[in-house]
């Protein structure tokens, strides 16, 4: 499965690199020591930074959510513009080559950013543990409010771990193209 993960990360390397950069920035912002800032290391941490083990649920939640949110805010408009231009308006290389290339690049970079939204599975599981363990300090209201985001982050982390996020985005593009 590590090979699938690396293939997914290398195919979407701009998004993986930017996700690692966002994680590094969030770690610096939250005062979390970073052990290894190799954004595109060829291991299970590709597209992520290796940081200290967290003991605070608030910092863990911010680290899991913010980098992916930034990738989403940048990637969604690019993906939508590229998909609309190529799939809906039907721009082709024969029609206007420059516009076709622009739409193709927007689609690729948007796709790349959207394929790298989720934290490492270990970080997502750590967040879940900090929020919902028996001896945890998280108040009940936070457990209720953060249940859905924490569950989505954990589910997405496992999708990303097995490169299923890339496959789902490809299927989405193919499905939209045939609809």
Protein backbone atom coordinates (compact mmCIF):
# COMPACT_ATOMS: atom_id res chain seq x y z
CA UNK A 1 0.00 0.00 0.00
CA UNK A 2 2.96 2.31 0.50
CA UNK A 3 3.59 2.20 -3.26
CA UNK A 4 0.01 3.34 -3.98
CA UNK A 5 0.37 6.16 -1.48
CA UNK A 6 3.63 7.34 -3.04
CA UNK A 7 2.23 7.10 -6.57
CA UNK A 8 -0.76 9.20 -5.51
CA UNK A 9 1.50 11.78 -3.87
CA UNK A 10 3.93 11.96 -6.79
CA UNK A 11 1.11 12.36 -9.32
CA UNK A 12 -0.20 15.25 -7.27
CA UNK A 13 3.17 16.63 -6.15
CA UNK A 14 2.26 20.36 -6.30
CA UNK A 15 -0.60 19.81 -3.86
CA UNK A 16 1.48 17.49 -1.68
CA UNK A 17 4.30 20.02 -1.51
CA UNK A 18 1.96 22.89 -0.69
CA UNK A 19 0.18 20.77 1.95
CA UNK A 20 3.55 20.11 3.59
CA UNK A 21 4.33 23.82 3.48
CA UNK A 22 0.99 24.66 5.10
CA UNK A 23 1.57 22.04 7.79
CA UNK A 24 5.00 23.50 8.50
CA UNK A 25 3.52 27.01 8.74
CA UNK A 26 0.73 25.83 11.08
CA UNK A 27 3.27 24.00 13.24
CA UNK A 28 5.32 27.19 13.50
CA UNK A 29 2.19 29.23 14.24
CA UNK A 30 1.10 26.85 17.02
CA UNK A 31 4.60 26.41 18.45
CA UNK A 32 4.85 22.72 17.54
CA UNK A 33 8.47 21.63 16.98
CA UNK A 34 9.07 20.19 13.50
CA UNK A 35 11.51 17.29 13.40
CA UNK A 36 11.85 16.90 9.63
CA UNK A 37 10.48 19.43 7.12
CA UNK A 38 10.99 17.22 4.05
CA UNK A 39 7.72 17.90 2.21
CA UNK A 40 8.24 15.36 -0.56
CA UNK A 41 10.16 12.62 1.27
CA UNK A 42 9.61 9.23 -0.37
CA UNK A 43 7.98 7.58 2.64
CA UNK A 44 4.60 7.49 4.37
CA UNK A 45 5.03 11.14 5.35
CA UNK A 46 5.19 12.44 1.79
CA UNK A 47 3.32 15.73 1.64
CA UNK A 48 3.48 16.16 5.40
CA UNK A 49 5.99 17.33 8.00
CA UNK A 50 7.22 15.18 10.85
CA UNK A 51 6.40 16.95 14.08
CA UNK A 52 6.35 16.39 17.82
CA UNK A 53 3.66 14.16 19.33
CA UNK A 54 0.76 16.40 20.42
CA UNK A 55 -0.96 16.28 23.80
CA UNK A 56 -3.45 19.14 23.28
CA UNK A 57 -6.70 18.45 21.41
CA UNK A 58 -7.07 22.08 20.29
CA UNK A 59 -3.62 22.22 18.67
CA UNK A 60 -4.11 18.75 17.21
CA UNK A 61 -7.45 19.79 15.67
CA UNK A 62 -5.92 22.95 14.18
CA UNK A 63 -2.99 20.97 12.75
CA UNK A 64 -5.33 18.41 11.19
CA UNK A 65 -7.80 20.93 9.78
CA UNK A 66 -6.03 24.14 8.74
CA UNK A 67 -3.53 22.88 6.11
CA UNK A 68 -6.24 20.95 4.29
CA UNK A 69 -8.62 23.89 4.52
CA UNK A 70 -6.02 26.16 2.92
CA UNK A 71 -5.46 23.60 0.15
CA UNK A 72 -9.23 23.42 -0.37
CA UNK A 73 -9.64 27.20 -0.54
CA UNK A 74 -6.94 27.40 -3.21
CA UNK A 75 -7.78 24.22 -5.09
CA UNK A 76 -11.55 24.44 -5.40
CA UNK A 77 -11.66 27.58 -7.59
CA UNK A 78 -8.84 26.24 -9.80
CA UNK A 79 -10.49 22.85 -10.18
CA UNK A 80 -13.88 24.40 -10.91
CA UNK A 81 -12.47 26.81 -13.51
CA UNK A 82 -10.51 24.06 -15.27
CA UNK A 83 -13.38 21.58 -15.17
CA UNK A 84 -15.88 24.14 -16.46
CA UNK A 85 -13.59 25.19 -19.28
CA UNK A 86 -12.72 21.70 -20.44
CA UNK A 87 -15.74 19.61 -19.55
CA UNK A 88 -18.67 22.01 -19.67
CA UNK A 89 -17.61 24.56 -22.29
CA UNK A 90 -15.77 21.88 -24.27
CA UNK A 91 -12.62 23.87 -24.94
CA UNK A 92 -10.25 21.89 -27.12
CA UNK A 93 -6.67 22.22 -28.28
CA UNK A 94 -7.85 22.68 -31.88
CA UNK A 95 -10.13 25.60 -30.91
CA UNK A 96 -7.88 27.83 -28.81
CA UNK A 97 -4.63 26.16 -27.75
CA UNK A 98 -3.64 28.78 -25.18
CA UNK A 99 -7.01 28.65 -23.43
CA UNK A 100 -7.02 24.85 -23.51
CA UNK A 101 -3.57 24.74 -21.87
CA UNK A 102 -4.69 27.26 -19.24
CA UNK A 103 -7.80 25.22 -18.40
CA UNK A 104 -5.76 22.00 -18.32
CA UNK A 105 -3.22 23.54 -15.93
CA UNK A 106 -5.96 24.92 -13.69
CA UNK A 107 -7.65 21.52 -13.62
CA UNK A 108 -4.38 19.73 -12.79
CA UNK A 109 -3.31 22.14 -10.05
CA UNK A 110 -6.81 22.24 -8.56
CA UNK A 111 -6.97 18.44 -8.69
CA UNK A 112 -3.56 18.25 -7.08
CA UNK A 113 -4.55 20.54 -4.22
CA UNK A 114 -7.89 18.78 -3.64
CA UNK A 115 -6.22 15.36 -3.57
CA UNK A 116 -4.11 16.49 -0.61
CA UNK A 117 -6.65 17.75 1.90
CA UNK A 118 -6.35 15.32 4.77
CA UNK A 119 -3.84 14.82 7.61
CA UNK A 120 -1.71 11.78 8.17
CA UNK A 121 -3.72 8.88 9.55
CA UNK A 122 -1.58 8.97 12.72
CA UNK A 123 -2.41 12.65 13.29
CA UNK A 124 -6.13 12.04 12.70
CA UNK A 125 -6.13 9.05 15.08
CA UNK A 126 -4.25 11.11 17.67
CA UNK A 127 -6.90 13.83 17.41
CA UNK A 128 -9.64 11.23 17.83
CA UNK A 129 -7.86 9.77 20.86
CA UNK A 130 -7.34 13.18 22.48
CA UNK A 131 -11.00 14.07 22.03
CA UNK A 132 -12.70 10.80 22.93
CA UNK A 133 -10.53 8.83 25.34
CA UNK A 134 -12.00 8.11 28.76
CA UNK A 135 -9.49 10.15 30.74
CA UNK A 136 -9.54 13.01 28.21
CA UNK A 137 -9.96 16.64 29.18
CA UNK A 138 -12.16 17.69 26.25
CA UNK A 139 -15.52 19.10 27.41
CA UNK A 140 -18.68 17.30 26.30
CA UNK A 141 -19.82 20.21 24.12
CA UNK A 142 -16.56 20.07 22.15
CA UNK A 143 -16.89 16.33 21.77
CA UNK A 144 -20.31 16.85 20.26
CA UNK A 145 -19.33 19.79 18.04
CA UNK A 146 -16.11 18.22 16.78
CA UNK A 147 -17.47 14.72 16.19
CA UNK A 148 -18.34 15.22 12.52
CA UNK A 149 -15.17 17.15 11.58
CA UNK A 150 -12.95 14.65 13.44
CA UNK A 151 -14.73 11.70 11.81
CA UNK A 152 -14.36 13.28 8.34
CA UNK A 153 -10.68 14.01 8.95
CA UNK A 154 -10.07 10.43 10.08
CA UNK A 155 -12.01 8.93 7.17
CA UNK A 156 -10.22 11.21 4.69
CA UNK A 157 -6.85 10.37 6.19
CA UNK A 158 -7.49 6.69 5.49
CA UNK A 159 -8.65 7.50 1.95
CA UNK A 160 -5.40 9.37 1.40
CA UNK A 161 -3.32 6.63 3.02
CA UNK A 162 -4.44 4.17 0.33
CA UNK A 163 -4.49 6.77 -2.52
CA UNK A 164 -8.26 6.36 -2.83
CA UNK A 165 -8.69 10.13 -2.83
CA UNK A 166 -6.88 10.35 -6.17
CA UNK A 167 -8.99 7.50 -7.56
CA UNK A 168 -12.22 9.16 -6.39
CA UNK A 169 -11.26 12.46 -8.04
CA UNK A 170 -10.43 10.68 -11.30
CA UNK A 171 -13.77 8.88 -11.19
CA UNK A 172 -15.48 12.20 -10.56
CA UNK A 173 -13.83 13.73 -13.61
CA UNK A 174 -14.68 10.73 -15.78
CA UNK A 175 -18.25 10.69 -14.50
CA UNK A 176 -18.74 14.40 -15.18
CA UNK A 177 -17.25 13.98 -18.65
CA UNK A 178 -19.72 11.22 -19.57
CA UNK A 179 -22.78 12.85 -17.94
